[in-house]
Amino acid sequence: IVNEPAMRAQMIALGFEPQPNTPEEFGAFIKEEIVKWGKVAKT
């Protein structure tokens, strides 16, 4: 869906930048974000 040219154009026009990935990649990304924003909240 997000790689369809019409959808990509619509999302970008709205301010979204499509970034689909695999379940494993998304899971690893979530763990990295938890660590990152924990540091920001503390700071």
Full PDB file with SEQRES, HELIX, SHEET, SSBOND, CRYST1, ORIGX, SCALE, CONECT and MASTER records, all heavy atoms in Angstrom:
SEQRES   1 A   43  ILE VAL ASN GLU PRO ALA MET ARG ALA GLN MET ILE ALA          
SEQRES   2 A   43  LEU GLY PHE GLU PRO GLN PRO ASN THR PRO GLU GLU PHE          
SEQRES   3 A   43  GLY ALA PHE ILE LYS GLU GLU ILE VAL LYS TRP GLY LYS          
SEQRES   4 A   43  VAL ALA LYS THR                                              
HELIX    1 AA1 PRO A    5  LEU A   14  1                                  10    
HELIX    2 AA2 PRO A   23  LYS A   42  1                                  20    
CRYST1    1.000    1.000    1.000  90.00  90.00  90.00 P 1           1          
ORIGX1      1.000000  0.000000  0.000000        0.00000                         
ORIGX2      0.000000  1.000000  0.000000        0.00000                         
ORIGX3      0.000000  0.000000  1.000000        0.00000                         
SCALE1      1.000000  0.000000  0.000000        0.00000                         
SCALE2      0.000000  1.000000  0.000000        0.00000                         
SCALE3      0.000000  0.000000  1.000000        0.00000                         
ATOM      1  N   ILE A   1       0.828  -1.210   0.000  1.00  0.00           N  
ATOM      2  CA  ILE A   1       0.000   0.000   0.000  1.00  0.00           C  
ATOM      3  C   ILE A   1       0.861   1.259   0.000  1.00  0.00           C  
ATOM      4  O   ILE A   1       0.672   2.160  -0.818  1.00  0.00           O  
ATOM      5  CB  ILE A   1      -0.950   0.002   1.224  1.00  0.00           C  
ATOM      6  CG1 ILE A   1      -2.081  -1.021   1.026  1.00  0.00           C  
ATOM      7  CG2 ILE A   1      -1.540   1.405   1.459  1.00  0.00           C  
ATOM      8  CD1 ILE A   1      -2.887  -1.273   2.285  1.00  0.00           C  
ATOM      9  N   VAL A   2       1.825   1.335   0.922  1.00  0.00           N  
ATOM     10  CA  VAL A   2       2.605   2.570   1.041  1.00  0.00           C  
ATOM     11  C   VAL A   2       3.616   2.734  -0.090  1.00  0.00           C  
ATOM     12  O   VAL A   2       4.122   3.837  -0.310  1.00  0.00           O  
ATOM     13  CB  VAL A   2       3.309   2.680   2.407  1.00  0.00           C  
ATOM     14  CG1 VAL A   2       2.300   2.684   3.533  1.00  0.00           C  
ATOM     15  CG2 VAL A   2       4.329   1.577   2.599  1.00  0.00           C  
ATOM     16  N   ASN A   3       3.900   1.647  -0.819  1.00  0.00           N  
ATOM     17  CA  ASN A   3       4.811   1.758  -1.957  1.00  0.00           C  
ATOM     18  C   ASN A   3       4.101   2.052  -3.274  1.00  0.00           C  
ATOM     19  O   ASN A   3       4.770   2.242  -4.297  1.00  0.00           O  
ATOM     20  CB  ASN A   3       5.639   0.469  -2.090  1.00  0.00           C  
ATOM     21  CG  ASN A   3       6.769   0.403  -1.076  1.00  0.00           C  
ATOM     22  OD1 ASN A   3       7.283   1.435  -0.635  1.00  0.00           O  
ATOM     23  ND2 ASN A   3       7.159  -0.800  -0.684  1.00  0.00           N  
ATOM     24  N   GLU A   4       2.782   2.078  -3.258  1.00  0.00           N  
ATOM     25  CA  GLU A   4       2.057   2.473  -4.468  1.00  0.00           C  
ATOM     26  C   GLU A   4       2.345   3.949  -4.747  1.00  0.00           C  
ATOM     27  O   GLU A   4       2.266   4.786  -3.843  1.00  0.00           O  
ATOM     28  CB  GLU A   4       0.551   2.269  -4.280  1.00  0.00           C  
ATOM     29  CG  GLU A   4       0.137   0.797  -4.185  1.00  0.00           C  
ATOM     30  CD  GLU A   4      -1.333   0.637  -3.841  1.00  0.00           C  
ATOM     31  OE1 GLU A   4      -1.990   1.667  -3.531  1.00  0.00           O  
ATOM     32  OE2 GLU A   4      -1.820  -0.509  -3.862  1.00  0.00           O  
ATOM     33  N   PRO A   5       2.686   4.305  -5.977  1.00  0.00           N  
ATOM     34  CA  PRO A   5       3.045   5.696  -6.297  1.00  0.00           C  
ATOM     35  C   PRO A   5       2.006   6.719  -5.847  1.00  0.00           C  
ATOM     36  O   PRO A   5       2.363   7.768  -5.293  1.00  0.00           O  
ATOM     37  CB  PRO A   5       3.195   5.677  -7.812  1.00  0.00           C  
ATOM     38  CG  PRO A   5       3.616   4.273  -8.122  1.00  0.00           C  
ATOM     39  CD  PRO A   5       2.862   3.417  -7.147  1.00  0.00           C  
ATOM     40  N   ALA A   6       0.720   6.431  -6.058  1.00  0.00           N  
ATOM     41  CA  ALA A   6      -0.325   7.388  -5.682  1.00  0.00           C  
ATOM     42  C   ALA A   6      -0.381   7.570  -4.172  1.00  0.00           C  
ATOM     43  O   ALA A   6      -0.546   8.693  -3.673  1.00  0.00           O  
ATOM     44  CB  ALA A   6      -1.678   6.923  -6.211  1.00  0.00           C  
ATOM     45  N   MET A   7      -0.240   6.468  -3.421  1.00  0.00           N  
ATOM     46  CA  MET A   7      -0.277   6.564  -1.965  1.00  0.00           C  
ATOM     47  C   MET A   7       0.962   7.284  -1.446  1.00  0.00           C  
ATOM     48  O   MET A   7       0.876   8.120  -0.542  1.00  0.00           O  
ATOM     49  CB  MET A   7      -0.380   5.174  -1.336  1.00  0.00           C  
ATOM     50  CG  MET A   7      -0.354   5.176   0.203  1.00  0.00           C  
ATOM     51  SD  MET A   7      -1.690   6.158   0.952  1.00  0.00           S  
ATOM     52  CE  MET A   7      -3.066   4.997   0.774  1.00  0.00           C  
ATOM     53  N   ARG A   8       2.133   6.976  -1.989  1.00  0.00           N  
ATOM     54  CA  ARG A   8       3.352   7.664  -1.572  1.00  0.00           C  
ATOM     55  C   ARG A   8       3.220   9.171  -1.777  1.00  0.00           C  
ATOM     56  O   ARG A   8       3.563   9.972  -0.902  1.00  0.00           O  
ATOM     57  CB  ARG A   8       4.565   7.150  -2.352  1.00  0.00           C  
ATOM     58  CG  ARG A   8       5.062   5.794  -1.913  1.00  0.00           C  
ATOM     59  CD  ARG A   8       6.355   5.426  -2.614  1.00  0.00           C  
ATOM     60  NE  ARG A   8       7.426   6.334  -2.232  1.00  0.00           N  
ATOM     61  CZ  ARG A   8       8.183   6.189  -1.145  1.00  0.00           C  
ATOM     62  NH1 ARG A   8       7.961   5.179  -0.319  1.00  0.00           N  
ATOM     63  NH2 ARG A   8       9.148   7.045  -0.870  1.00  0.00           N  
ATOM     64  N   ALA A   9       2.690   9.555  -2.942  1.00  0.00           N  
ATOM     65  CA  ALA A   9       2.526  10.979  -3.235  1.00  0.00           C  
ATOM     66  C   ALA A   9       1.559  11.625  -2.257  1.00  0.00           C  
ATOM     67  O   ALA A   9       1.793  12.749  -1.775  1.00  0.00           O  
ATOM     68  CB  ALA A   9       2.041  11.159  -4.670  1.00  0.00           C  
ATOM     69  N   GLN A  10       0.461  10.925  -1.943  1.00  0.00           N  
ATOM     70  CA  GLN A  10      -0.532  11.465  -1.009  1.00  0.00           C  
ATOM     71  C   GLN A  10       0.057  11.604   0.385  1.00  0.00           C  
ATOM     72  O   GLN A  10      -0.137  12.629   1.062  1.00  0.00           O  
ATOM     73  CB  GLN A  10      -1.761  10.559  -0.966  1.00  0.00           C  
ATOM     74  CG  GLN A  10      -2.871  11.090  -0.055  1.00  0.00           C  
ATOM     75  CD  GLN A  10      -4.091  10.180  -0.030  1.00  0.00           C  
ATOM     76  OE1 GLN A  10      -4.091   9.094  -0.596  1.00  0.00           O  
ATOM     77  NE2 GLN A  10      -5.150  10.621   0.624  1.00  0.00           N  
ATOM     78  N   MET A  11       0.800  10.600   0.828  1.00  0.00           N  
ATOM     79  CA  MET A  11       1.389  10.639   2.163  1.00  0.00           C  
ATOM     80  C   MET A  11       2.419  11.752   2.280  1.00  0.00           C  
ATOM     81  O   MET A  11       2.449  12.485   3.274  1.00  0.00           O  
ATOM     82  CB  MET A  11       1.998   9.278   2.506  1.00  0.00           C  
ATOM     83  CG  MET A  11       0.976   8.172   2.686  1.00  0.00           C  
ATOM     84  SD  MET A  11       1.709   6.557   3.060  1.00  0.00           S  
ATOM     85  CE  MET A  11       2.240   6.825   4.763  1.00  0.00           C  
ATOM     86  N   ILE A  12       3.258  11.888   1.268  1.00  0.00           N  
ATOM     87  CA  ILE A  12       4.280  12.939   1.298  1.00  0.00           C  
ATOM     88  C   ILE A  12       3.633  14.316   1.309  1.00  0.00           C  
ATOM     89  O   ILE A  12       4.074  15.225   2.031  1.00  0.00           O  
ATOM     90  CB  ILE A  12       5.242  12.787   0.103  1.00  0.00           C  
ATOM     91  CG1 ILE A  12       6.132  11.546   0.320  1.00  0.00           C  
ATOM     92  CG2 ILE A  12       6.115  14.025  -0.058  1.00  0.00           C  
ATOM     93  CD1 ILE A  12       6.972  11.172  -0.872  1.00  0.00           C  
ATOM     94  N   ALA A  13       2.554  14.481   0.532  1.00  0.00           N  
ATOM     95  CA  ALA A  13       1.845  15.765   0.517  1.00  0.00           C  
ATOM     96  C   ALA A  13       1.280  16.109   1.886  1.00  0.00           C  
ATOM     97  O   ALA A  13       1.172  17.292   2.252  1.00  0.00           O  
ATOM     98  CB  ALA A  13       0.729  15.741  -0.525  1.00  0.00           C  
ATOM     99  N   LEU A  14       0.933  15.086   2.658  1.00  0.00           N  
ATOM    100  CA  LEU A  14       0.389  15.293   4.002  1.00  0.00           C  
ATOM    101  C   LEU A  14       1.479  15.445   5.062  1.00  0.00           C  
ATOM    102  O   LEU A  14       1.193  15.761   6.211  1.00  0.00           O  
ATOM    103  CB  LEU A  14      -0.520  14.110   4.383  1.00  0.00           C  
ATOM    104  CG  LEU A  14      -1.861  14.015   3.642  1.00  0.00           C  
ATOM    105  CD1 LEU A  14      -2.526  12.675   3.931  1.00  0.00           C  
ATOM    106  CD2 LEU A  14      -2.779  15.165   4.036  1.00  0.00           C  
ATOM    107  N   GLY A  15       2.728  15.181   4.661  1.00  0.00           N  
ATOM    108  CA  GLY A  15       3.833  15.307   5.612  1.00  0.00           C  
ATOM    109  C   GLY A  15       4.398  14.002   6.100  1.00  0.00           C  
ATOM    110  O   GLY A  15       5.358  13.985   6.877  1.00  0.00           O  
ATOM    111  N   PHE A  16       3.831  12.872   5.669  1.00  0.00           N  
ATOM    112  CA  PHE A  16       4.354  11.562   6.040  1.00  0.00           C  
ATOM    113  C   PHE A  16       5.465  11.160   5.074  1.00  0.00           C  
ATOM    114  O   PHE A  16       5.390  11.432   3.875  1.00  0.00           O  
ATOM    115  CB  PHE A  16       3.268  10.496   5.960  1.00  0.00           C  
ATOM    116  CG  PHE A  16       2.124  10.673   6.914  1.00  0.00           C  
ATOM    117  CD1 PHE A  16       0.868  11.019   6.441  1.00  0.00           C  
ATOM    118  CD2 PHE A  16       2.291  10.476   8.271  1.00  0.00           C  
ATOM    119  CE1 PHE A  16      -0.207  11.167   7.304  1.00  0.00           C  
ATOM    120  CE2 PHE A  16       1.223  10.623   9.152  1.00  0.00           C  
ATOM    121  CZ  PHE A  16      -0.024  10.967   8.658  1.00  0.00           C  
ATOM    122  N   GLU A  17       6.466  10.465   5.592  1.00  0.00           N  
ATOM    123  CA  GLU A  17       7.488   9.881   4.744  1.00  0.00           C  
ATOM    124  C   GLU A  17       7.428   8.372   4.939  1.00  0.00           C  
ATOM    125  O   GLU A  17       7.802   7.861   6.001  1.00  0.00           O  
ATOM    126  CB  GLU A  17       8.864  10.457   5.093  1.00  0.00           C  
ATOM    127  CG  GLU A  17       8.928  11.956   4.835  1.00  0.00           C  
ATOM    128  CD  GLU A  17      10.306  12.563   5.018  1.00  0.00           C  
ATOM    129  OE1 GLU A  17      11.276  11.787   5.189  1.00  0.00           O  
ATOM    130  OE2 GLU A  17      10.403  13.804   4.995  1.00  0.00           O  
ATOM    131  N   PRO A  18       6.895   7.631   3.956  1.00  0.00           N  
ATOM    132  CA  PRO A  18       6.693   6.180   4.094  1.00  0.00           C  
ATOM    133  C   PRO A  18       7.984   5.447   4.436  1.00  0.00           C  
ATOM    134  O   PRO A  18       9.023   5.685   3.829  1.00  0.00           O  
ATOM    135  CB  PRO A  18       6.172   5.762   2.711  1.00  0.00           C  
ATOM    136  CG  PRO A  18       5.553   7.013   2.152  1.00  0.00           C  
ATOM    137  CD  PRO A  18       6.419   8.132   2.645  1.00  0.00           C  
ATOM    138  N   GLN A  19       7.906   4.534   5.423  1.00  0.00           N  
ATOM    139  CA  GLN A  19       9.098   3.816   5.891  1.00  0.00           C  
ATOM    140  C   GLN A  19       8.762   2.369   6.254  1.00  0.00           C  
ATOM    141  O   GLN A  19       9.080   1.917   7.365  1.00  0.00           O  
ATOM    142  CB  GLN A  19       9.691   4.523   7.120  1.00  0.00           C  
ATOM    143  CG  GLN A  19      10.147   5.929   6.915  1.00  0.00           C  
ATOM    144  CD  GLN A  19      11.493   6.001   6.227  1.00  0.00           C  
ATOM    145  OE1 GLN A  19      12.219   5.031   6.172  1.00  0.00           O  
ATOM    146  NE2 GLN A  19      11.825   7.158   5.680  1.00  0.00           N  
ATOM    147  N   PRO A  20       8.136   1.583   5.389  1.00  0.00           N  
ATOM    148  CA  PRO A  20       7.801   0.203   5.776  1.00  0.00           C  
ATOM    149  C   PRO A  20       9.050  -0.641   5.984  1.00  0.00           C  
ATOM    150  O   PRO A  20      10.085  -0.408   5.351  1.00  0.00           O  
ATOM    151  CB  PRO A  20       6.981  -0.295   4.584  1.00  0.00           C  
ATOM    152  CG  PRO A  20       7.497   0.495   3.419  1.00  0.00           C  
ATOM    153  CD  PRO A  20       7.782   1.871   3.983  1.00  0.00           C  
ATOM    154  N   ASN A  21       8.948  -1.619   6.875  1.00  0.00           N  
ATOM    155  CA  ASN A  21      10.055  -2.539   7.104  1.00  0.00           C  
ATOM    156  C   ASN A  21       9.509  -3.881   7.545  1.00  0.00           C  
ATOM    157  O   ASN A  21       8.292  -4.112   7.525  1.00  0.00           O  
ATOM    158  CB  ASN A  21      11.055  -1.958   8.110  1.00  0.00           C  
ATOM    159  CG  ASN A  21      10.435  -1.632   9.454  1.00  0.00           C  
ATOM    160  OD1 ASN A  21       9.270  -1.946   9.712  1.00  0.00           O  
ATOM    161  ND2 ASN A  21      11.190  -0.996  10.333  1.00  0.00           N  
ATOM    162  N   THR A  22      10.365  -4.802   7.950  1.00  0.00           N  
ATOM    163  CA  THR A  22       9.922  -6.124   8.371  1.00  0.00           C  
ATOM    164  C   THR A  22       9.528  -6.095   9.846  1.00  0.00           C  
ATOM    165  O   THR A  22       9.924  -5.188  10.588  1.00  0.00           O  
ATOM    166  CB  THR A  22      11.042  -7.160   8.186  1.00  0.00           C  
ATOM    167  OG1 THR A  22      12.112  -6.864   9.110  1.00  0.00           O  
ATOM    168  CG2 THR A  22      11.581  -7.147   6.761  1.00  0.00           C  
ATOM    169  N   PRO A  23       8.766  -7.101  10.307  1.00  0.00           N  
ATOM    170  CA  PRO A  23       8.442  -7.156  11.741  1.00  0.00           C  
ATOM    171  C   PRO A  23       9.686  -7.168  12.622  1.00  0.00           C  
ATOM    172  O   PRO A  23       9.711  -6.533  13.682  1.00  0.00           O  
ATOM    173  CB  PRO A  23       7.650  -8.461  11.867  1.00  0.00           C  
ATOM    174  CG  PRO A  23       7.005  -8.630  10.526  1.00  0.00           C  
ATOM    175  CD  PRO A  23       8.038  -8.140   9.548  1.00  0.00           C  
ATOM    176  N   GLU A  24      10.742  -7.877  12.186  1.00  0.00           N  
ATOM    177  CA  GLU A  24      11.967  -7.939  12.968  1.00  0.00           C  
ATOM    178  C   GLU A  24      12.668  -6.581  13.024  1.00  0.00           C  
ATOM    179  O   GLU A  24      13.162  -6.154  14.075  1.00  0.00           O  
ATOM    180  CB  GLU A  24      12.916  -8.988  12.375  1.00  0.00           C  
ATOM    181  CG  GLU A  24      12.468 -10.425  12.583  1.00  0.00           C  
ATOM    182  CD  GLU A  24      11.297 -10.832  11.687  1.00  0.00           C  
ATOM    183  OE1 GLU A  24      11.094 -10.198  10.625  1.00  0.00           O  
ATOM    184  OE2 GLU A  24      10.587 -11.784  12.058  1.00  0.00           O  
ATOM    185  N   GLU A  25      12.714  -5.906  11.885  1.00  0.00           N  
ATOM    186  CA  GLU A  25      13.332  -4.578  11.846  1.00  0.00           C  
ATOM    187  C   GLU A  25      12.552  -3.588  12.696  1.00  0.00           C  
ATOM    188  O   GLU A  25      13.141  -2.769  13.414  1.00  0.00           O  
ATOM    189  CB  GLU A  25      13.410  -4.088  10.399  1.00  0.00           C  
ATOM    190  CG  GLU A  25      14.416  -4.835   9.551  1.00  0.00           C  
ATOM    191  CD  GLU A  25      14.305  -4.529   8.068  1.00  0.00           C  
ATOM    192  OE1 GLU A  25      13.221  -4.077   7.631  1.00  0.00           O  
ATOM    193  OE2 GLU A  25      15.288  -4.753   7.344  1.00  0.00           O  
ATOM    194  N   PHE A  26      11.235  -3.673  12.634  1.00  0.00           N  
ATOM    195  CA  PHE A  26      10.405  -2.768  13.425  1.00  0.00           C  
ATOM    196  C   PHE A  26      10.598  -3.048  14.918  1.00  0.00           C  
ATOM    197  O   PHE A  26      10.714  -2.124  15.728  1.00  0.00           O  
ATOM    198  CB  PHE A  26       8.942  -2.923  13.027  1.00  0.00           C  
ATOM    199  CG  PHE A  26       8.005  -1.920  13.651  1.00  0.00           C  
ATOM    200  CD1 PHE A  26       8.436  -0.651  14.016  1.00  0.00           C  
ATOM    201  CD2 PHE A  26       6.669  -2.240  13.867  1.00  0.00           C  
ATOM    202  CE1 PHE A  26       7.571   0.273  14.583  1.00  0.00           C  
ATOM    203  CE2 PHE A  26       5.790  -1.330  14.430  1.00  0.00           C  
ATOM    204  CZ  PHE A  26       6.240  -0.075  14.800  1.00  0.00           C  
ATOM    205  N   GLY A  27      10.669  -4.321  15.293  1.00  0.00           N  
ATOM    206  CA  GLY A  27      10.881  -4.676  16.696  1.00  0.00           C  
ATOM    207  C   GLY A  27      12.200  -4.136  17.229  1.00  0.00           C  
ATOM    208  O   GLY A  27      12.272  -3.613  18.345  1.00  0.00           O  
ATOM    209  N   ALA A  28      13.266  -4.243  16.425  1.00  0.00           N  
ATOM    210  CA  ALA A  28      14.574  -3.731  16.842  1.00  0.00           C  
ATOM    211  C   ALA A  28      14.551  -2.210  16.945  1.00  0.00           C  
ATOM    212  O   ALA A  28      15.135  -1.621  17.866  1.00  0.00           O  
ATOM    213  CB  ALA A  28      15.647  -4.175  15.842  1.00  0.00           C  
ATOM    214  N   PHE A  29      13.853  -1.570  16.023  1.00  0.00           N  
ATOM    215  CA  PHE A  29      13.729  -0.106  16.025  1.00  0.00           C  
ATOM    216  C   PHE A  29      13.024   0.368  17.291  1.00  0.00           C  
ATOM    217  O   PHE A  29      13.443   1.352  17.916  1.00  0.00           O  
ATOM    218  CB  PHE A  29      12.955   0.334  14.787  1.00  0.00           C  
ATOM    219  CG  PHE A  29      12.596   1.794  14.755  1.00  0.00           C  
ATOM    220  CD1 PHE A  29      13.546   2.751  14.429  1.00  0.00           C  
ATOM    221  CD2 PHE A  29      11.297   2.215  15.037  1.00  0.00           C  
ATOM    222  CE1 PHE A  29      13.218   4.105  14.397  1.00  0.00           C  
ATOM    223  CE2 PHE A  29      10.963   3.558  15.006  1.00  0.00           C  
ATOM    224  CZ  PHE A  29      11.924   4.500  14.686  1.00  0.00           C  
ATOM    225  N   ILE A  30      11.964  -0.323  17.692  1.00  0.00           N  
ATOM    226  CA  ILE A  30      11.217   0.048  18.893  1.00  0.00           C  
ATOM    227  C   ILE A  30      12.131   0.026  20.123  1.00  0.00           C  
ATOM    228  O   ILE A  30      12.115   0.952  20.948  1.00  0.00           O  
ATOM    229  CB  ILE A  30      10.024  -0.905  19.105  1.00  0.00           C  
ATOM    230  CG1 ILE A  30       8.985  -0.705  17.996  1.00  0.00           C  
ATOM    231  CG2 ILE A  30       9.372  -0.662  20.474  1.00  0.00           C  
ATOM    232  CD1 ILE A  30       8.003  -1.854  17.875  1.00  0.00           C  
ATOM    233  N   LYS A  31      12.932  -1.018  20.247  1.00  0.00           N  
ATOM    234  CA  LYS A  31      13.830  -1.125  21.395  1.00  0.00           C  
ATOM    235  C   LYS A  31      14.841   0.023  21.411  1.00  0.00           C  
ATOM    236  O   LYS A  31      15.155   0.584  22.471  1.00  0.00           O  
ATOM    237  CB  LYS A  31      14.545  -2.473  21.369  1.00  0.00           C  
ATOM    238  CG  LYS A  31      13.606  -3.654  21.634  1.00  0.00           C  
ATOM    239  CD  LYS A  31      14.329  -4.986  21.519  1.00  0.00           C  
ATOM    240  CE  LYS A  31      13.366  -6.145  21.765  1.00  0.00           C  
ATOM    241  NZ  LYS A  31      14.025  -7.465  21.597  1.00  0.00           N  
ATOM    242  N   GLU A  32      15.342   0.394  20.235  1.00  0.00           N  
ATOM    243  CA  GLU A  32      16.282   1.518  20.147  1.00  0.00           C  
ATOM    244  C   GLU A  32      15.609   2.823  20.561  1.00  0.00           C  
ATOM    245  O   GLU A  32      16.208   3.655  21.252  1.00  0.00           O  
ATOM    246  CB  GLU A  32      16.812   1.634  18.714  1.00  0.00           C  
ATOM    247  CG  GLU A  32      17.721   0.488  18.291  1.00  0.00           C  
ATOM    248  CD  GLU A  32      18.038   0.517  16.809  1.00  0.00           C  
ATOM    249  OE1 GLU A  32      17.519   1.429  16.111  1.00  0.00           O  
ATOM    250  OE2 GLU A  32      18.792  -0.351  16.345  1.00  0.00           O  
ATOM    251  N   GLU A  33      14.350   3.003  20.134  1.00  0.00           N  
ATOM    252  CA  GLU A  33      13.618   4.227  20.459  1.00  0.00           C  
ATOM    253  C   GLU A  33      13.334   4.335  21.954  1.00  0.00           C  
ATOM    254  O   GLU A  33      13.362   5.424  22.522  1.00  0.00           O  
ATOM    255  CB  GLU A  33      12.307   4.275  19.663  1.00  0.00           C  
ATOM    256  CG  GLU A  33      12.478   4.604  18.206  1.00  0.00           C  
ATOM    257  CD  GLU A  33      12.833   6.062  17.999  1.00  0.00           C  
ATOM    258  OE1 GLU A  33      11.934   6.915  18.067  1.00  0.00           O  
ATOM    259  OE2 GLU A  33      14.028   6.357  17.784  1.00  0.00           O  
ATOM    260  N   ILE A  34      13.026   3.211  22.586  1.00  0.00           N  
ATOM    261  CA  ILE A  34      12.778   3.216  24.031  1.00  0.00           C  
ATOM    262  C   ILE A  34      14.006   3.726  24.779  1.00  0.00           C  
ATOM    263  O   ILE A  34      13.902   4.552  25.696  1.00  0.00           O  
ATOM    264  CB  ILE A  34      12.372   1.807  24.512  1.00  0.00           C  
ATOM    265  CG1 ILE A  34      10.964   1.469  23.991  1.00  0.00           C  
ATOM    266  CG2 ILE A  34      12.406   1.731  26.041  1.00  0.00           C  
ATOM    267  CD1 ILE A  34      10.550   0.024  24.238  1.00  0.00           C  
ATOM    268  N   VAL A  35      15.175   3.259  24.385  1.00  0.00           N  
ATOM    269  CA  VAL A  35      16.425   3.697  25.016  1.00  0.00           C  
ATOM    270  C   VAL A  35      16.674   5.179  24.733  1.00  0.00           C  
ATOM    271  O   VAL A  35      16.985   5.963  25.640  1.00  0.00           O  
ATOM    272  CB  VAL A  35      17.610   2.849  24.512  1.00  0.00           C  
ATOM    273  CG1 VAL A  35      18.927   3.426  25.021  1.00  0.00           C  
ATOM    274  CG2 VAL A  35      17.464   1.401  24.963  1.00  0.00           C  
ATOM    275  N   LYS A  36      16.526   5.584  23.481  1.00  0.00           N  
ATOM    276  CA  LYS A  36      16.792   6.969  23.073  1.00  0.00           C  
ATOM    277  C   LYS A  36      15.928   7.959  23.836  1.00  0.00           C  
ATOM    278  O   LYS A  36      16.425   8.940  24.405  1.00  0.00           O  
ATOM    279  CB  LYS A  36      16.553   7.117  21.572  1.00  0.00           C  
ATOM    280  CG  LYS A  36      16.595   8.561  21.076  1.00  0.00           C  
ATOM    281  CD  LYS A  36      16.197   8.650  19.609  1.00  0.00           C  
ATOM    282  CE  LYS A  36      16.071  10.091  19.151  1.00  0.00           C  
ATOM    283  NZ  LYS A  36      15.695  10.184  17.707  1.00  0.00           N  
ATOM    284  N   TRP A  37      14.612   7.711  23.860  1.00  0.00           N  
ATOM    285  CA  TRP A  37      13.708   8.681  24.473  1.00  0.00           C  
ATOM    286  C   TRP A  37      13.736   8.621  25.986  1.00  0.00           C  
ATOM    287  O   TRP A  37      13.387   9.590  26.659  1.00  0.00           O  
ATOM    288  CB  TRP A  37      12.302   8.525  23.909  1.00  0.00           C  
ATOM    289  CG  TRP A  37      12.255   8.997  22.495  1.00  0.00           C  
ATOM    290  CD1 TRP A  37      12.236   8.238  21.365  1.00  0.00           C  
ATOM    291  CD2 TRP A  37      12.295  10.362  22.053  1.00  0.00           C  
ATOM    292  NE1 TRP A  37      12.250   9.037  20.249  1.00  0.00           N  
ATOM    293  CE2 TRP A  37      12.283  10.340  20.640  1.00  0.00           C  
ATOM    294  CE3 TRP A  37      12.334  11.584  22.705  1.00  0.00           C  
ATOM    295  CZ2 TRP A  37      12.312  11.500  19.876  1.00  0.00           C  
ATOM    296  CZ3 TRP A  37      12.364  12.746  21.951  1.00  0.00           C  
ATOM    297  CH2 TRP A  37      12.355  12.692  20.553  1.00  0.00           C  
ATOM    298  N   GLY A  38      14.188   7.492  26.526  1.00  0.00           N  
ATOM    299  CA  GLY A  38      14.415   7.435  27.969  1.00  0.00           C  
ATOM    300  C   GLY A  38      15.508   8.410  28.375  1.00  0.00           C  
ATOM    301  O   GLY A  38      15.393   9.106  29.391  1.00  0.00           O  
ATOM    302  N   LYS A  39      16.545   8.499  27.559  1.00  0.00           N  
ATOM    303  CA  LYS A  39      17.637   9.441  27.824  1.00  0.00           C  
ATOM    304  C   LYS A  39      17.154  10.890  27.675  1.00  0.00           C  
ATOM    305  O   LYS A  39      17.534  11.761  28.469  1.00  0.00           O  
ATOM    306  CB  LYS A  39      18.792   9.172  26.868  1.00  0.00           C  
ATOM    307  CG  LYS A  39      19.502   7.849  27.118  1.00  0.00           C  
ATOM    308  CD  LYS A  39      20.612   7.608  26.103  1.00  0.00           C  
ATOM    309  CE  LYS A  39      21.328   6.292  26.353  1.00  0.00           C  
ATOM    310  NZ  LYS A  39      22.366   6.018  25.317  1.00  0.00           N  
ATOM    311  N   VAL A  40      16.316  11.154  26.655  1.00  0.00           N  
ATOM    312  CA  VAL A  40      15.795  12.512  26.449  1.00  0.00           C  
ATOM    313  C   VAL A  40      14.930  12.939  27.631  1.00  0.00           C  
ATOM    314  O   VAL A  40      15.044  14.064  28.134  1.00  0.00           O  
ATOM    315  CB  VAL A  40      14.987  12.604  25.142  1.00  0.00           C  
ATOM    316  CG1 VAL A  40      14.270  13.948  25.040  1.00  0.00           C  
ATOM    317  CG2 VAL A  40      15.900  12.411  23.937  1.00  0.00           C  
ATOM    318  N   ALA A  41      14.056  12.029  28.092  1.00  0.00           N  
ATOM    319  CA  ALA A  41      13.186  12.344  29.227  1.00  0.00           C  
ATOM    320  C   ALA A  41      14.000  12.652  30.472  1.00  0.00           C  
ATOM    321  O   ALA A  41      13.686  13.584  31.226  1.00  0.00           O  
ATOM    322  CB  ALA A  41      12.216  11.203  29.482  1.00  0.00           C  
ATOM    323  N   LYS A  42      15.067  11.887  30.679  1.00  0.00           N  
ATOM    324  CA  LYS A  42      15.925  12.118  31.844  1.00  0.00           C  
ATOM    325  C   LYS A  42      16.633  13.460  31.745  1.00  0.00           C  
ATOM    326  O   LYS A  42      16.692  14.223  32.721  1.00  0.00           O  
ATOM    327  CB  LYS A  42      16.943  10.982  31.959  1.00  0.00           C  
ATOM    328  CG  LYS A  42      17.814  11.065  33.203  1.00  0.00           C  
ATOM    329  CD  LYS A  42      18.737   9.860  33.304  1.00  0.00           C  
ATOM    330  CE  LYS A  42      19.590   9.948  34.575  1.00  0.00           C  
ATOM    331  NZ  LYS A  42      20.489   8.744  34.695  1.00  0.00           N  
ATOM    332  N   THR A  43      17.149  13.764  30.551  1.00  0.00           N  
ATOM    333  CA  THR A  43      17.844  15.046  30.343  1.00  0.00           C  
ATOM    334  C   THR A  43      16.895  16.210  30.541  1.00  0.00           C  
ATOM    335  O   THR A  43      17.279  17.255  31.082  1.00  0.00           O  
ATOM    336  CB  THR A  43      18.435  15.096  28.918  1.00  0.00           C  
ATOM    337  OG1 THR A  43      19.368  14.019  28.779  1.00  0.00           O  
ATOM    338  CG2 THR A  43      19.150  16.418  28.669  1.00  0.00           C  
TER     339      THR A  43                                                      
MASTER        0    0    0    2    0    0    0    6  338    1    0    4          
END                                                                             
